[in-house]
């Protein structure tokens, strides 16, 4: 189980008892403000707990959905444009307008914990939007994996997500040429 600081202090009553439990290895401090009864926890779970309003996106989500075999060395999070900057070298933060941040967000249970992640359809739109920022070979690998699952994708969702962006016609043309 993963706990934030408030939750863990309720269990151990105070910092002194918490430190004793950490020393006895009853509980593990994974990162500042994040604790667990397991020593090793997925970074996606840790950062979903630490930043509950963020959504896992891009490289982290592509790997989660098996759209790439490249293991990301950082966790990619989308946050509200007005959020504070996350000062953590293990995180790549992208700022998204509040009106579209939660579009395509799904909550998935992983090892008994909830993580917020974009669905594959929203990720496809994000991939096309950020095409020029992604290495060519990596982009082609993900696109070819999308081609392999094209029958599983919800076209209605893709059209809904496209309509959220001002260059939707251009994005739609790229999708038609490269995926469908």
N, C-alpha and C. Protein backbone atom coordinates (compact mmCIF):
# COMPACT_ATOMS: atom_id res chain seq x y z
N UNK A 1 0.85 -1.18 0.00
CA UNK A 1 0.00 0.00 0.00
C UNK A 1 0.90 1.25 0.00
N UNK A 2 0.46 2.25 -0.72
CA UNK A 2 1.18 3.52 -0.82
C UNK A 2 0.45 4.56 0.05
N UNK A 3 1.24 5.36 0.75
CA UNK A 3 0.66 6.39 1.63
C UNK A 3 1.34 7.72 1.38
N UNK A 4 0.58 8.80 1.51
CA UNK A 4 1.21 10.11 1.54
C UNK A 4 1.51 10.43 3.01
N UNK A 5 2.15 11.55 3.26
CA UNK A 5 2.57 11.88 4.63
C UNK A 5 1.40 11.95 5.61
N UNK A 6 0.31 12.60 5.21
CA UNK A 6 -0.85 12.72 6.10
C UNK A 6 -1.41 11.35 6.48
N UNK A 7 -1.50 10.46 5.49
CA UNK A 7 -2.04 9.13 5.74
C UNK A 7 -1.14 8.31 6.66
N UNK A 8 0.16 8.40 6.46
CA UNK A 8 1.09 7.58 7.25
C UNK A 8 1.18 8.09 8.69
N UNK A 9 1.08 9.41 8.89
CA UNK A 9 1.12 9.97 10.25
C UNK A 9 -0.13 9.57 11.03
N UNK A 10 -1.26 9.42 10.36
CA UNK A 10 -2.48 8.94 11.03
C UNK A 10 -2.27 7.53 11.57
N UNK A 11 -1.52 6.72 10.81
CA UNK A 11 -1.28 5.33 11.23
C UNK A 11 -0.27 5.27 12.39
N UNK A 12 0.83 6.00 12.27
CA UNK A 12 1.91 5.93 13.26
C UNK A 12 1.82 7.02 14.34
N UNK A 13 0.85 7.89 14.26
CA UNK A 13 0.54 8.91 15.26
C UNK A 13 1.49 10.10 15.32
N UNK A 14 2.80 9.90 15.03
CA UNK A 14 3.74 11.03 15.07
C UNK A 14 5.02 10.67 14.31
N UNK A 15 5.87 11.68 14.12
CA UNK A 15 7.12 11.48 13.36
C UNK A 15 8.07 10.49 14.04
N UNK A 16 8.11 10.53 15.36
CA UNK A 16 9.01 9.63 16.09
C UNK A 16 8.67 8.16 15.80
N UNK A 17 7.39 7.81 15.91
CA UNK A 17 6.96 6.43 15.63
C UNK A 17 7.18 6.06 14.17
N UNK A 18 6.96 7.04 13.29
CA UNK A 18 7.18 6.81 11.86
C UNK A 18 8.65 6.49 11.60
N UNK A 19 9.56 7.27 12.19
CA UNK A 19 11.00 7.02 11.99
C UNK A 19 11.40 5.67 12.56
N UNK A 20 10.82 5.27 13.69
CA UNK A 20 11.10 3.94 14.26
C UNK A 20 10.65 2.84 13.29
N UNK A 21 9.47 3.02 12.70
CA UNK A 21 8.94 2.03 11.75
C UNK A 21 9.81 1.95 10.50
N UNK A 22 10.33 3.09 10.05
CA UNK A 22 11.22 3.10 8.89
C UNK A 22 12.52 2.38 9.23
N UNK A 23 13.07 2.64 10.40
CA UNK A 23 14.31 1.96 10.83
C UNK A 23 14.12 0.46 10.98
N UNK A 24 12.92 0.02 11.42
CA UNK A 24 12.62 -1.41 11.56
C UNK A 24 12.22 -2.05 10.23
N UNK A 25 12.12 -1.22 9.19
CA UNK A 25 11.71 -1.64 7.85
C UNK A 25 10.27 -2.19 7.82
N UNK A 26 9.44 -1.64 8.70
CA UNK A 26 8.01 -1.94 8.64
C UNK A 26 7.38 -1.14 7.51
N UNK A 27 7.96 0.02 7.28
CA UNK A 27 7.48 0.93 6.24
C UNK A 27 8.71 1.52 5.55
N UNK A 28 8.57 1.85 4.27
CA UNK A 28 9.69 2.38 3.48
C UNK A 28 9.35 3.78 3.00
N UNK A 29 10.32 4.66 3.12
CA UNK A 29 10.17 6.01 2.57
C UNK A 29 10.69 5.95 1.15
N UNK A 30 9.77 6.04 0.17
CA UNK A 30 10.13 5.92 -1.24
C UNK A 30 10.67 7.22 -1.79
N UNK A 31 10.08 8.31 -1.32
CA UNK A 31 10.44 9.64 -1.77
C UNK A 31 9.83 10.60 -0.76
N UNK A 32 10.26 11.83 -0.77
CA UNK A 32 9.72 12.79 0.19
C UNK A 32 8.20 12.81 0.09
N UNK A 33 7.55 12.49 1.21
CA UNK A 33 6.08 12.52 1.27
C UNK A 33 5.40 11.28 0.75
N UNK A 34 6.15 10.23 0.35
CA UNK A 34 5.55 9.01 -0.18
C UNK A 34 6.16 7.81 0.55
N UNK A 35 5.28 6.98 1.12
CA UNK A 35 5.70 5.83 1.93
C UNK A 35 4.97 4.58 1.44
N UNK A 36 5.58 3.42 1.72
CA UNK A 36 4.96 2.17 1.28
C UNK A 36 5.36 1.04 2.22
N UNK A 37 4.52 0.01 2.25
CA UNK A 37 4.89 -1.19 2.99
C UNK A 37 5.71 -2.14 2.11
N UNK A 38 5.94 -1.77 0.85
CA UNK A 38 6.78 -2.53 -0.07
C UNK A 38 8.05 -1.73 -0.35
N UNK A 39 9.16 -2.43 -0.49
CA UNK A 39 10.43 -1.74 -0.72
C UNK A 39 10.52 -1.19 -2.14
N UNK A 40 10.00 -1.96 -3.11
CA UNK A 40 10.09 -1.55 -4.52
C UNK A 40 8.69 -1.32 -5.07
N UNK A 41 8.48 -0.14 -5.62
CA UNK A 41 7.18 0.25 -6.17
C UNK A 41 7.43 0.94 -7.51
N UNK A 42 6.56 0.70 -8.47
CA UNK A 42 6.67 1.33 -9.78
C UNK A 42 6.67 2.85 -9.65
N UNK A 43 7.57 3.52 -10.41
CA UNK A 43 7.56 4.99 -10.39
C UNK A 43 6.22 5.58 -10.81
N UNK A 44 5.49 4.90 -11.68
CA UNK A 44 4.17 5.41 -12.09
C UNK A 44 3.23 5.50 -10.89
N UNK A 45 3.31 4.51 -10.01
CA UNK A 45 2.47 4.50 -8.82
C UNK A 45 2.92 5.58 -7.84
N UNK A 46 4.23 5.69 -7.65
CA UNK A 46 4.77 6.69 -6.72
C UNK A 46 4.33 8.10 -7.12
N UNK A 47 4.53 8.44 -8.40
CA UNK A 47 4.23 9.81 -8.82
C UNK A 47 2.74 10.06 -9.01
N UNK A 48 1.96 9.00 -9.23
CA UNK A 48 0.51 9.18 -9.25
C UNK A 48 0.00 9.51 -7.85
N UNK A 49 0.64 8.92 -6.85
CA UNK A 49 0.26 9.21 -5.46
C UNK A 49 0.74 10.61 -5.06
N UNK A 50 1.97 10.93 -5.44
CA UNK A 50 2.55 12.21 -5.04
C UNK A 50 1.88 13.39 -5.75
N UNK A 51 1.50 13.19 -7.02
CA UNK A 51 0.87 14.25 -7.82
C UNK A 51 -0.48 13.74 -8.33
N UNK A 52 -1.50 13.69 -7.47
CA UNK A 52 -2.78 13.08 -7.85
C UNK A 52 -3.53 13.80 -8.97
N UNK A 53 -3.20 15.07 -9.24
CA UNK A 53 -3.88 15.79 -10.32
C UNK A 53 -3.15 15.69 -11.65
N UNK A 54 -2.00 15.03 -11.67
CA UNK A 54 -1.23 14.86 -12.90
C UNK A 54 -1.69 13.61 -13.64
N UNK A 55 -1.38 13.57 -14.94
CA UNK A 55 -1.74 12.42 -15.78
C UNK A 55 -0.46 11.90 -16.44
N UNK A 56 -0.27 10.59 -16.39
CA UNK A 56 0.90 9.99 -17.02
C UNK A 56 0.71 10.06 -18.53
N UNK A 57 1.75 10.48 -19.24
CA UNK A 57 1.65 10.71 -20.67
C UNK A 57 2.93 10.30 -21.39
N UNK A 58 2.95 10.49 -22.66
CA UNK A 58 4.09 10.31 -23.57
C UNK A 58 4.88 9.02 -23.29
N UNK A 59 6.21 9.09 -23.17
CA UNK A 59 7.07 7.91 -23.12
C UNK A 59 6.64 6.91 -22.05
N UNK A 60 6.27 7.41 -20.87
CA UNK A 60 5.85 6.51 -19.78
C UNK A 60 4.58 5.75 -20.17
N UNK A 61 3.64 6.43 -20.77
CA UNK A 61 2.39 5.80 -21.17
C UNK A 61 2.59 4.89 -22.39
N UNK A 62 3.43 5.30 -23.34
CA UNK A 62 3.70 4.43 -24.49
C UNK A 62 4.29 3.10 -24.02
N UNK A 63 5.21 3.16 -23.07
CA UNK A 63 5.81 1.93 -22.55
C UNK A 63 4.78 1.12 -21.77
N UNK A 64 3.95 1.78 -20.97
CA UNK A 64 2.92 1.09 -20.20
C UNK A 64 1.99 0.30 -21.12
N UNK A 65 1.61 0.89 -22.24
CA UNK A 65 0.69 0.25 -23.18
C UNK A 65 1.40 -0.68 -24.19
N UNK A 66 2.68 -0.92 -24.00
CA UNK A 66 3.48 -1.78 -24.89
C UNK A 66 3.52 -1.26 -26.33
N UNK A 67 3.54 0.05 -26.48
CA UNK A 67 3.66 0.64 -27.81
C UNK A 67 5.13 0.87 -28.16
N UNK A 68 6.01 0.66 -27.19
CA UNK A 68 7.45 0.74 -27.40
C UNK A 68 8.13 -0.21 -26.42
N UNK A 69 9.33 -0.63 -26.79
CA UNK A 69 10.10 -1.45 -25.84
C UNK A 69 11.21 -0.62 -25.18
N UNK A 70 11.21 0.67 -25.45
CA UNK A 70 12.19 1.58 -24.83
C UNK A 70 11.70 1.95 -23.44
N UNK A 71 12.46 1.55 -22.43
CA UNK A 71 12.09 1.86 -21.05
C UNK A 71 12.47 3.31 -20.76
N UNK A 72 11.48 4.14 -20.43
CA UNK A 72 11.80 5.55 -20.17
C UNK A 72 12.61 5.70 -18.88
N UNK A 73 13.57 6.60 -18.89
CA UNK A 73 14.38 6.82 -17.69
C UNK A 73 13.79 7.91 -16.81
N UNK A 74 12.68 8.50 -17.24
CA UNK A 74 11.97 9.51 -16.46
C UNK A 74 10.48 9.23 -16.58
N UNK A 75 9.71 9.79 -15.65
CA UNK A 75 8.26 9.67 -15.69
C UNK A 75 7.71 10.95 -16.32
N UNK A 76 6.87 10.78 -17.34
CA UNK A 76 6.29 11.91 -18.06
C UNK A 76 4.90 12.20 -17.50
N UNK A 77 4.73 13.42 -17.00
CA UNK A 77 3.46 13.83 -16.40
C UNK A 77 2.92 15.07 -17.09
N UNK A 78 1.62 15.05 -17.32
CA UNK A 78 0.92 16.24 -17.81
C UNK A 78 0.22 16.87 -16.62
N UNK A 79 0.39 18.19 -16.48
CA UNK A 79 -0.25 18.91 -15.38
C UNK A 79 -0.95 20.15 -15.94
N UNK A 80 -1.79 20.72 -15.11
CA UNK A 80 -2.49 21.95 -15.47
C UNK A 80 -1.47 23.05 -15.75
N UNK A 81 -1.74 23.84 -16.76
CA UNK A 81 -0.85 24.92 -17.16
C UNK A 81 -0.53 25.87 -16.01
N UNK A 82 -1.44 26.02 -15.05
CA UNK A 82 -1.24 26.92 -13.93
C UNK A 82 -0.60 26.24 -12.71
N UNK A 83 -0.22 24.98 -12.85
CA UNK A 83 0.41 24.25 -11.74
C UNK A 83 1.83 24.75 -11.50
N UNK A 84 2.30 24.49 -10.31
CA UNK A 84 3.69 24.80 -10.00
C UNK A 84 4.59 23.84 -10.76
N UNK A 85 5.81 24.31 -11.03
CA UNK A 85 6.79 23.45 -11.69
C UNK A 85 7.23 22.37 -10.71
N UNK A 86 7.30 21.14 -11.19
CA UNK A 86 7.77 20.03 -10.37
C UNK A 86 9.29 20.00 -10.48
N UNK A 87 9.95 20.22 -9.36
CA UNK A 87 11.41 20.21 -9.35
C UNK A 87 11.90 18.83 -8.95
N UNK A 88 11.92 17.94 -9.92
CA UNK A 88 12.36 16.58 -9.69
C UNK A 88 13.03 16.10 -10.97
N UNK A 89 14.28 15.69 -10.87
CA UNK A 89 15.02 15.27 -12.07
C UNK A 89 14.50 13.97 -12.67
N UNK A 90 13.61 13.28 -11.96
CA UNK A 90 13.06 12.01 -12.46
C UNK A 90 11.76 12.23 -13.24
N UNK A 91 11.33 13.48 -13.34
CA UNK A 91 10.05 13.79 -13.98
C UNK A 91 10.23 14.76 -15.14
N UNK A 92 9.50 14.48 -16.23
CA UNK A 92 9.38 15.43 -17.33
C UNK A 92 7.94 15.92 -17.28
N UNK A 93 7.79 17.20 -17.02
CA UNK A 93 6.46 17.78 -16.86
C UNK A 93 6.06 18.54 -18.11
N UNK A 94 4.83 18.29 -18.56
CA UNK A 94 4.29 19.10 -19.65
C UNK A 94 3.05 19.82 -19.12
N UNK A 95 2.94 21.08 -19.48
CA UNK A 95 1.83 21.90 -19.01
C UNK A 95 0.74 21.90 -20.07
N UNK A 96 -0.49 21.61 -19.63
CA UNK A 96 -1.63 21.47 -20.54
C UNK A 96 -2.75 22.38 -20.05
N UNK A 97 -3.48 22.95 -20.98
CA UNK A 97 -4.62 23.79 -20.61
C UNK A 97 -5.61 22.97 -19.77
N UNK A 98 -6.12 23.59 -18.74
CA UNK A 98 -7.02 22.90 -17.81
C UNK A 98 -8.22 22.29 -18.54
N UNK A 99 -8.68 22.97 -19.59
CA UNK A 99 -9.87 22.52 -20.33
C UNK A 99 -9.65 21.18 -21.03
N UNK A 100 -8.41 20.81 -21.33
CA UNK A 100 -8.17 19.54 -22.03
C UNK A 100 -7.31 18.55 -21.23
N UNK A 101 -6.87 18.94 -20.04
CA UNK A 101 -6.00 18.08 -19.25
C UNK A 101 -6.61 16.71 -18.98
N UNK A 102 -7.87 16.68 -18.61
CA UNK A 102 -8.50 15.40 -18.22
C UNK A 102 -9.20 14.68 -19.37
N UNK A 103 -9.14 15.24 -20.57
CA UNK A 103 -9.73 14.57 -21.73
C UNK A 103 -8.87 13.35 -22.08
N UNK A 104 -9.46 12.18 -22.02
CA UNK A 104 -8.72 10.96 -22.32
C UNK A 104 -8.05 10.34 -21.11
N UNK A 105 -8.22 10.95 -19.95
CA UNK A 105 -7.62 10.40 -18.74
C UNK A 105 -8.43 9.20 -18.27
N UNK A 106 -7.74 8.11 -17.98
CA UNK A 106 -8.37 6.94 -17.40
C UNK A 106 -7.62 6.61 -16.11
N UNK A 107 -8.34 6.01 -15.17
CA UNK A 107 -7.72 5.59 -13.92
C UNK A 107 -7.62 4.07 -13.97
N UNK A 108 -6.39 3.60 -13.87
CA UNK A 108 -6.11 2.17 -13.98
C UNK A 108 -5.57 1.68 -12.64
N UNK A 109 -5.95 0.47 -12.27
CA UNK A 109 -5.41 -0.10 -11.05
C UNK A 109 -4.18 -0.92 -11.38
N UNK A 110 -3.09 -0.62 -10.70
CA UNK A 110 -1.80 -1.29 -10.90
C UNK A 110 -1.27 -1.67 -9.53
N UNK A 111 -1.07 -2.96 -9.28
CA UNK A 111 -0.60 -3.45 -7.98
C UNK A 111 -1.46 -2.93 -6.83
N UNK A 112 -2.76 -2.87 -7.03
CA UNK A 112 -3.67 -2.42 -5.99
C UNK A 112 -3.74 -0.92 -5.79
N UNK A 113 -3.02 -0.16 -6.60
CA UNK A 113 -3.00 1.30 -6.51
C UNK A 113 -3.56 1.90 -7.79
N UNK A 114 -4.08 3.12 -7.69
CA UNK A 114 -4.66 3.78 -8.86
C UNK A 114 -3.65 4.73 -9.50
N UNK A 115 -3.59 4.67 -10.83
CA UNK A 115 -2.76 5.62 -11.57
C UNK A 115 -3.63 6.30 -12.63
N UNK A 116 -3.37 7.59 -12.84
CA UNK A 116 -4.05 8.35 -13.89
C UNK A 116 -3.14 8.35 -15.11
N UNK A 117 -3.69 7.91 -16.23
CA UNK A 117 -2.91 7.80 -17.46
C UNK A 117 -3.83 8.12 -18.63
N UNK A 118 -3.27 8.67 -19.70
CA UNK A 118 -4.08 8.90 -20.89
C UNK A 118 -4.36 7.58 -21.59
N UNK A 119 -5.54 7.48 -22.21
CA UNK A 119 -5.86 6.29 -22.99
C UNK A 119 -5.06 6.31 -24.30
N UNK A 120 -5.07 5.20 -25.00
CA UNK A 120 -4.24 5.07 -26.21
C UNK A 120 -4.65 6.05 -27.30
N UNK A 121 -5.92 6.38 -27.36
CA UNK A 121 -6.40 7.31 -28.38
C UNK A 121 -5.85 8.72 -28.14
N UNK A 122 -5.89 9.18 -26.90
CA UNK A 122 -5.34 10.51 -26.58
C UNK A 122 -3.83 10.52 -26.80
N UNK A 123 -3.17 9.43 -26.46
CA UNK A 123 -1.72 9.34 -26.66
C UNK A 123 -1.36 9.43 -28.14
N UNK A 124 -2.19 8.85 -28.99
CA UNK A 124 -1.94 8.93 -30.42
C UNK A 124 -1.97 10.39 -30.88
N UNK A 125 -2.93 11.15 -30.38
CA UNK A 125 -3.01 12.58 -30.73
C UNK A 125 -1.76 13.30 -30.19
N UNK A 126 -1.37 13.00 -28.96
CA UNK A 126 -0.17 13.63 -28.38
C UNK A 126 1.07 13.28 -29.19
N UNK A 127 1.17 12.05 -29.64
CA UNK A 127 2.31 11.62 -30.46
C UNK A 127 2.39 12.43 -31.75
N UNK A 128 1.27 12.58 -32.43
CA UNK A 128 1.23 13.34 -33.69
C UNK A 128 1.55 14.82 -33.42
N UNK A 129 0.99 15.37 -32.34
CA UNK A 129 1.23 16.78 -32.01
C UNK A 129 2.70 17.06 -31.74
N UNK A 130 3.39 16.11 -31.13
CA UNK A 130 4.79 16.34 -30.72
C UNK A 130 5.79 15.61 -31.61
N UNK A 131 5.35 15.29 -32.80
CA UNK A 131 6.16 14.53 -33.76
C UNK A 131 7.56 15.12 -33.95
N UNK A 132 7.67 16.42 -34.08
CA UNK A 132 8.96 17.06 -34.36
C UNK A 132 9.90 17.05 -33.15
N UNK A 133 9.36 16.80 -31.97
CA UNK A 133 10.18 16.78 -30.75
C UNK A 133 10.68 15.37 -30.41
N UNK A 134 10.25 14.38 -31.17
CA UNK A 134 10.56 12.98 -30.88
C UNK A 134 11.55 12.45 -31.90
N UNK A 135 12.55 11.68 -31.46
CA UNK A 135 13.48 11.08 -32.43
C UNK A 135 12.73 10.26 -33.48
N UNK A 136 13.16 10.36 -34.72
CA UNK A 136 12.46 9.76 -35.85
C UNK A 136 12.24 8.25 -35.67
N UNK A 137 13.28 7.51 -35.30
CA UNK A 137 13.16 6.05 -35.16
C UNK A 137 12.16 5.68 -34.07
N UNK A 138 12.19 6.41 -32.99
CA UNK A 138 11.27 6.17 -31.87
C UNK A 138 9.83 6.44 -32.32
N UNK A 139 9.64 7.53 -33.03
CA UNK A 139 8.32 7.89 -33.55
C UNK A 139 7.80 6.78 -34.48
N UNK A 140 8.64 6.33 -35.39
CA UNK A 140 8.23 5.29 -36.35
C UNK A 140 7.88 3.99 -35.64
N UNK A 141 8.63 3.64 -34.58
CA UNK A 141 8.33 2.42 -33.83
C UNK A 141 6.94 2.50 -33.21
N UNK A 142 6.62 3.62 -32.61
CA UNK A 142 5.32 3.77 -31.96
C UNK A 142 4.19 3.81 -32.99
N UNK A 143 4.42 4.53 -34.09
CA UNK A 143 3.40 4.58 -35.16
C UNK A 143 3.14 3.18 -35.72
N UNK A 144 4.18 2.40 -35.95
CA UNK A 144 3.97 1.04 -36.48
C UNK A 144 3.23 0.17 -35.47
N UNK A 145 3.46 0.38 -34.19
CA UNK A 145 2.72 -0.37 -33.17
C UNK A 145 1.26 0.08 -33.11
N UNK A 146 1.01 1.35 -33.36
CA UNK A 146 -0.38 1.82 -33.47
C UNK A 146 -1.06 1.19 -34.68
N UNK A 147 -0.35 1.08 -35.79
CA UNK A 147 -0.93 0.45 -36.98
C UNK A 147 -1.36 -0.98 -36.67
N UNK A 148 -0.59 -1.67 -35.84
CA UNK A 148 -0.89 -3.06 -35.50
C UNK A 148 -2.16 -3.20 -34.65
N UNK A 149 -2.53 -2.13 -33.93
CA UNK A 149 -3.71 -2.19 -33.07
C UNK A 149 -4.83 -1.26 -33.54
N UNK A 150 -4.75 -0.82 -34.77
CA UNK A 150 -5.70 0.18 -35.28
C UNK A 150 -7.16 -0.28 -35.14
N UNK A 151 -7.42 -1.58 -35.24
CA UNK A 151 -8.79 -2.09 -35.11
C UNK A 151 -9.31 -2.01 -33.67
N UNK A 152 -8.40 -1.89 -32.70
CA UNK A 152 -8.79 -1.80 -31.30
C UNK A 152 -9.08 -0.37 -30.86
N UNK A 153 -8.68 0.61 -31.66
CA UNK A 153 -8.84 2.01 -31.29
C UNK A 153 -10.26 2.49 -31.51
N UNK A 154 -10.72 3.38 -30.67
CA UNK A 154 -12.06 3.96 -30.76
C UNK A 154 -11.98 5.23 -31.62
N UNK A 155 -12.43 5.14 -32.85
CA UNK A 155 -12.34 6.25 -33.80
C UNK A 155 -13.15 7.47 -33.32
N UNK A 156 -14.27 7.22 -32.66
CA UNK A 156 -15.09 8.32 -32.15
C UNK A 156 -14.30 9.14 -31.13
N UNK A 157 -13.59 8.45 -30.23
CA UNK A 157 -12.76 9.15 -29.24
C UNK A 157 -11.67 9.97 -29.93
N UNK A 158 -11.04 9.38 -30.94
CA UNK A 158 -9.97 10.10 -31.65
C UNK A 158 -10.51 11.37 -32.27
N UNK A 159 -11.67 11.29 -32.89
CA UNK A 159 -12.29 12.48 -33.49
C UNK A 159 -12.63 13.53 -32.42
N UNK A 160 -13.12 13.07 -31.27
CA UNK A 160 -13.42 14.00 -30.17
C UNK A 160 -12.16 14.71 -29.70
N UNK A 161 -11.08 13.96 -29.53
CA UNK A 161 -9.82 14.54 -29.06
C UNK A 161 -9.23 15.49 -30.10
N UNK A 162 -9.34 15.14 -31.37
CA UNK A 162 -8.84 16.02 -32.43
C UNK A 162 -9.52 17.38 -32.39
N UNK A 163 -10.82 17.37 -32.12
CA UNK A 163 -11.59 18.61 -32.11
C UNK A 163 -11.16 19.56 -30.99
N UNK A 164 -10.43 19.06 -30.01
CA UNK A 164 -9.97 19.90 -28.89
C UNK A 164 -8.82 20.82 -29.28
N UNK A 165 -8.16 20.52 -30.39
CA UNK A 165 -6.96 21.26 -30.78
C UNK A 165 -7.25 22.13 -31.99
N UNK A 166 -6.63 23.32 -32.02
CA UNK A 166 -6.93 24.27 -33.08
C UNK A 166 -6.45 23.84 -34.46
N UNK A 167 -5.42 23.01 -34.54
CA UNK A 167 -4.95 22.52 -35.84
C UNK A 167 -5.46 21.11 -36.11
N UNK A 168 -6.72 20.88 -35.77
CA UNK A 168 -7.30 19.54 -35.88
C UNK A 168 -7.30 18.97 -37.30
N UNK A 169 -7.49 19.81 -38.32
CA UNK A 169 -7.48 19.30 -39.70
C UNK A 169 -6.10 18.80 -40.09
N UNK A 170 -5.08 19.54 -39.74
CA UNK A 170 -3.71 19.11 -40.02
C UNK A 170 -3.38 17.80 -39.29
N UNK A 171 -3.76 17.72 -38.01
CA UNK A 171 -3.53 16.50 -37.23
C UNK A 171 -4.28 15.32 -37.84
N UNK A 172 -5.50 15.58 -38.27
CA UNK A 172 -6.31 14.53 -38.88
C UNK A 172 -5.67 14.01 -40.17
N UNK A 173 -5.15 14.92 -40.98
CA UNK A 173 -4.47 14.51 -42.21
C UNK A 173 -3.24 13.64 -41.91
N UNK A 174 -2.46 14.04 -40.93
CA UNK A 174 -1.28 13.26 -40.56
C UNK A 174 -1.69 11.87 -40.07
N UNK A 175 -2.74 11.81 -39.27
CA UNK A 175 -3.23 10.52 -38.79
C UNK A 175 -3.65 9.61 -39.96
N UNK A 176 -4.38 10.20 -40.90
CA UNK A 176 -4.83 9.42 -42.05
C UNK A 176 -3.65 8.87 -42.86
N UNK A 177 -2.64 9.69 -43.04
CA UNK A 177 -1.48 9.25 -43.85
C UNK A 177 -0.61 8.24 -43.12
N UNK A 178 -0.43 8.40 -41.83
CA UNK A 178 0.56 7.60 -41.13
C UNK A 178 0.01 6.39 -40.37
N UNK A 179 -1.25 6.42 -39.97
CA UNK A 179 -1.77 5.32 -39.16
C UNK A 179 -2.84 4.51 -39.89
N UNK A 180 -3.80 5.21 -40.52
CA UNK A 180 -4.96 4.49 -41.08
C UNK A 180 -4.82 4.18 -42.54
